[in-house]
C-alpha atoms as a PDB file:
ATOM      1  CA  UNK A   1     100.697 123.349  89.333  1.00  0.00           C
ATOM      2  CA  UNK A   2      98.257 125.201  91.641  1.00  0.00           C
ATOM      3  CA  UNK A   3     100.744 127.992  92.291  1.00  0.00           C
ATOM      4  CA  UNK A   4     101.473 130.977  90.110  1.00  0.00           C
ATOM      5  CA  UNK A   5     105.020 131.314  88.817  1.00  0.00           C
ATOM      6  CA  UNK A   6     106.983 133.797  90.917  1.00  0.00           C
ATOM      7  CA  UNK A   7     108.553 135.344  87.828  1.00  0.00           C
ATOM      8  CA  UNK A   8     105.190 136.896  86.893  1.00  0.00           C
ATOM      9  CA  UNK A   9     104.476 138.203  90.390  1.00  0.00           C
ATOM     10  CA  UNK A  10     105.727 141.819  89.950  1.00  0.00           C
ATOM     11  CA  UNK A  11     103.698 142.259  86.770  1.00  0.00           C
ATOM     12  CA  UNK A  12     100.590 140.790  88.383  1.00  0.00           C
ATOM     13  CA  UNK A  13     101.006 143.008  91.434  1.00  0.00           C
ATOM     14  CA  UNK A  14     101.311 146.060  89.198  1.00  0.00           C
ATOM     15  CA  UNK A  15      98.185 145.086  87.259  1.00  0.00           C
ATOM     16  CA  UNK A  16      96.286 144.581  90.515  1.00  0.00           C
ATOM     17  CA  UNK A  17      97.380 148.037  91.724  1.00  0.00           C
ATOM     18  CA  UNK A  18      96.235 149.570  88.435  1.00  0.00           C
ATOM     19  CA  UNK A  19      92.926 147.708  88.592  1.00  0.00           C
ATOM     20  CA  UNK A  20      92.357 148.838  92.183  1.00  0.00           C
ATOM     21  CA  UNK A  21      93.163 152.455  91.269  1.00  0.00           C
ATOM     22  CA  UNK A  22      90.748 152.277  88.333  1.00  0.00           C
ATOM     23  CA  UNK A  23      88.050 150.844  90.597  1.00  0.00           C
ATOM     24  CA  UNK A  24      88.553 153.676  93.101  1.00  0.00           C
ATOM     25  CA  UNK A  25      88.421 156.232  90.308  1.00  0.00           C
ATOM     26  CA  UNK A  26      85.181 154.720  89.053  1.00  0.00           C
ATOM     27  CA  UNK A  27      83.726 154.948  92.570  1.00  0.00           C
ATOM     28  CA  UNK A  28      84.753 158.610  92.700  1.00  0.00           C
ATOM     29  CA  UNK A  29      83.104 159.263  89.339  1.00  0.00           C
ATOM     30  CA  UNK A  30      79.916 157.621  90.608  1.00  0.00           C
ATOM     31  CA  UNK A  31      80.056 159.815  93.710  1.00  0.00           C
ATOM     32  CA  UNK A  32      80.485 163.015  91.724  1.00  0.00           C
ATOM     33  CA  UNK A  33      77.705 161.977  89.339  1.00  0.00           C
ATOM     34  CA  UNK A  34      75.359 161.231  92.232  1.00  0.00           C
ATOM     35  CA  UNK A  35      76.248 164.547  93.843  1.00  0.00           C
ATOM     36  CA  UNK A  36      75.572 166.364  90.590  1.00  0.00           C
ATOM     37  CA  UNK A  37      72.163 164.703  90.309  1.00  0.00           C
ATOM     38  CA  UNK A  38      71.376 165.582  93.925  1.00  0.00           C
ATOM     39  CA  UNK A  39      72.239 169.226  93.400  1.00  0.00           C
ATOM     40  CA  UNK A  40      70.127 169.698  90.297  1.00  0.00           C
ATOM     41  CA  UNK A  41      66.817 171.496  90.765  1.00  0.00           C
ATOM     42  CA  UNK A  42      64.766 168.322  90.827  1.00  0.00           C
ATOM     43  CA  UNK A  43      62.336 167.288  93.527  1.00  0.00           C
ATOM     44  CA  UNK A  44      63.397 163.867  94.706  1.00  0.00           C
ATOM     45  CA  UNK A  45      61.354 161.816  97.112  1.00  0.00           C
ATOM     46  CA  UNK A  46      63.287 160.079  99.885  1.00  0.00           C
ATOM     47  CA  UNK A  47      63.227 156.290  99.687  1.00  0.00           C
ATOM     48  CA  UNK A  48      60.404 154.465 101.430  1.00  0.00           C
ATOM     49  CA  UNK A  49      61.238 152.252 104.429  1.00  0.00           C
ATOM     50  CA  UNK A  50      60.785 149.213 102.171  1.00  0.00           C
ATOM     51  CA  UNK A  51      63.194 150.605  99.572  1.00  0.00           C
ATOM     52  CA  UNK A  52      65.706 151.420 102.305  1.00  0.00           C
ATOM     53  CA  UNK A  53      65.465 147.909 103.752  1.00  0.00           C
ATOM     54  CA  UNK A  54      65.901 146.389 100.283  1.00  0.00           C
ATOM     55  CA  UNK A  55      68.960 148.582  99.644  1.00  0.00           C
ATOM     56  CA  UNK A  56      70.532 147.590 102.983  1.00  0.00           C
ATOM     57  CA  UNK A  57      69.940 143.918 102.204  1.00  0.00           C
ATOM     58  CA  UNK A  58      71.634 144.350  98.818  1.00  0.00           C
ATOM     59  CA  UNK A  59      74.642 145.873 100.576  1.00  0.00           C
ATOM     60  CA  UNK A  60      74.806 142.905 102.950  1.00  0.00           C
ATOM     61  CA  UNK A  61      74.656 140.535  99.987  1.00  0.00           C
ATOM     62  CA  UNK A  62      77.347 142.446  98.061  1.00  0.00           C
ATOM     63  CA  UNK A  63      80.103 143.607 100.433  1.00  0.00           C
ATOM     64  CA  UNK A  64      82.237 144.925  97.548  1.00  0.00           C
ATOM     65  CA  UNK A  65      79.480 147.427  96.731  1.00  0.00           C
ATOM     66  CA  UNK A  66      79.309 148.481 100.388  1.00  0.00           C
ATOM     67  CA  UNK A  67      83.076 149.029 100.345  1.00  0.00           C
ATOM     68  CA  UNK A  68      82.802 151.228  97.250  1.00  0.00           C
ATOM     69  CA  UNK A  69      80.055 153.263  98.920  1.00  0.00           C
ATOM     70  CA  UNK A  70      82.234 153.697 102.024  1.00  0.00           C
ATOM     71  CA  UNK A  71      85.089 154.930  99.855  1.00  0.00           C
ATOM     72  CA  UNK A  72      82.771 157.287  98.003  1.00  0.00           C
ATOM     73  CA  UNK A  73      81.398 158.621 101.276  1.00  0.00           C
ATOM     74  CA  UNK A  74      84.955 159.145 102.513  1.00  0.00           C
ATOM     75  CA  UNK A  75      85.576 161.386  99.494  1.00  0.00           C
ATOM     76  CA  UNK A  76      82.686 163.578 100.611  1.00  0.00           C
ATOM     77  CA  UNK A  77      83.422 163.420 104.352  1.00  0.00           C
ATOM     78  CA  UNK A  78      86.603 165.461 104.168  1.00  0.00           C
ATOM     79  CA  UNK A  79      87.248 165.714 107.912  1.00  0.00           C
ATOM     80  CA  UNK A  80      86.369 162.098 108.711  1.00  0.00           C
ATOM     81  CA  UNK A  81      83.562 163.100 111.083  1.00  0.00           C
ATOM     82  CA  UNK A  82      81.077 160.610 109.640  1.00  0.00           C
ATOM     83  CA  UNK A  83      78.899 163.429 108.335  1.00  0.00           C
ATOM     84  CA  UNK A  84      78.853 165.277 105.041  1.00  0.00           C
ATOM     85  CA  UNK A  85      78.593 168.992 105.680  1.00  0.00           C
ATOM     86  CA  UNK A  86      77.505 171.756 103.338  1.00  0.00           C
ATOM     87  CA  UNK A  87      81.153 172.856 103.184  1.00  0.00           C
ATOM     88  CA  UNK A  88      82.179 169.381 101.985  1.00  0.00           C
ATOM     89  CA  UNK A  89      79.631 169.469  99.179  1.00  0.00           C
ATOM     90  CA  UNK A  90      80.604 173.050  98.297  1.00  0.00           C
ATOM     91  CA  UNK A  91      84.275 172.039  98.030  1.00  0.00           C
ATOM     92  CA  UNK A  92      83.440 169.112  95.762  1.00  0.00           C
ATOM     93  CA  UNK A  93      81.135 171.240  93.632  1.00  0.00           C
ATOM     94  CA  UNK A  94      83.961 173.735  93.202  1.00  0.00           C
ATOM     95  CA  UNK A  95      86.201 170.924  91.954  1.00  0.00           C
ATOM     96  CA  UNK A  96      83.614 169.854  89.365  1.00  0.00           C
ATOM     97  CA  UNK A  97      82.951 173.434  88.273  1.00  0.00           C
ATOM     98  CA  UNK A  98      79.707 174.279  90.063  1.00  0.00           C
ATOM     99  CA  UNK A  99      79.446 177.606  91.839  1.00  0.00           C
ATOM    100  CA  UNK A 100      76.682 177.866  94.409  1.00  0.00           C
ATOM    101  CA  UNK A 101      76.538 179.602  97.733  1.00  0.00           C
ATOM    102  CA  UNK A 102      76.329 177.645 101.006  1.00  0.00           C
ATOM    103  CA  UNK A 103      72.783 179.002 101.346  1.00  0.00           C
ATOM    104  CA  UNK A 104      71.787 177.471  98.009  1.00  0.00           C
ATOM    105  CA  UNK A 105      73.380 174.169  98.977  1.00  0.00           C
ATOM    106  CA  UNK A 106      71.648 173.967 102.333  1.00  0.00           C
ATOM    107  CA  UNK A 107      68.185 174.308 100.763  1.00  0.00           C
END
């Protein structure tokens, strides 16, 4: 009685694949939204050391959120170097319809 019936397994696997794809899409939307906010002409203060420490602790407490952030970062880090370059941001901006020069982006 603790086991799932095998007859439902293909349907459950398909639903899990769809759920996982939707979760990845949501992470991508969050990434694009964050990028859009970052590229707007708004002065944003970097987080304080205390805010950074609190954020890192939240990531340790919620590994699923850390995984989503890693996946979002991977969308930006197109060559897998571990760094997001101006060219990476420019390519993503082009996809979402923004047109700015590399000079504007590097400001």
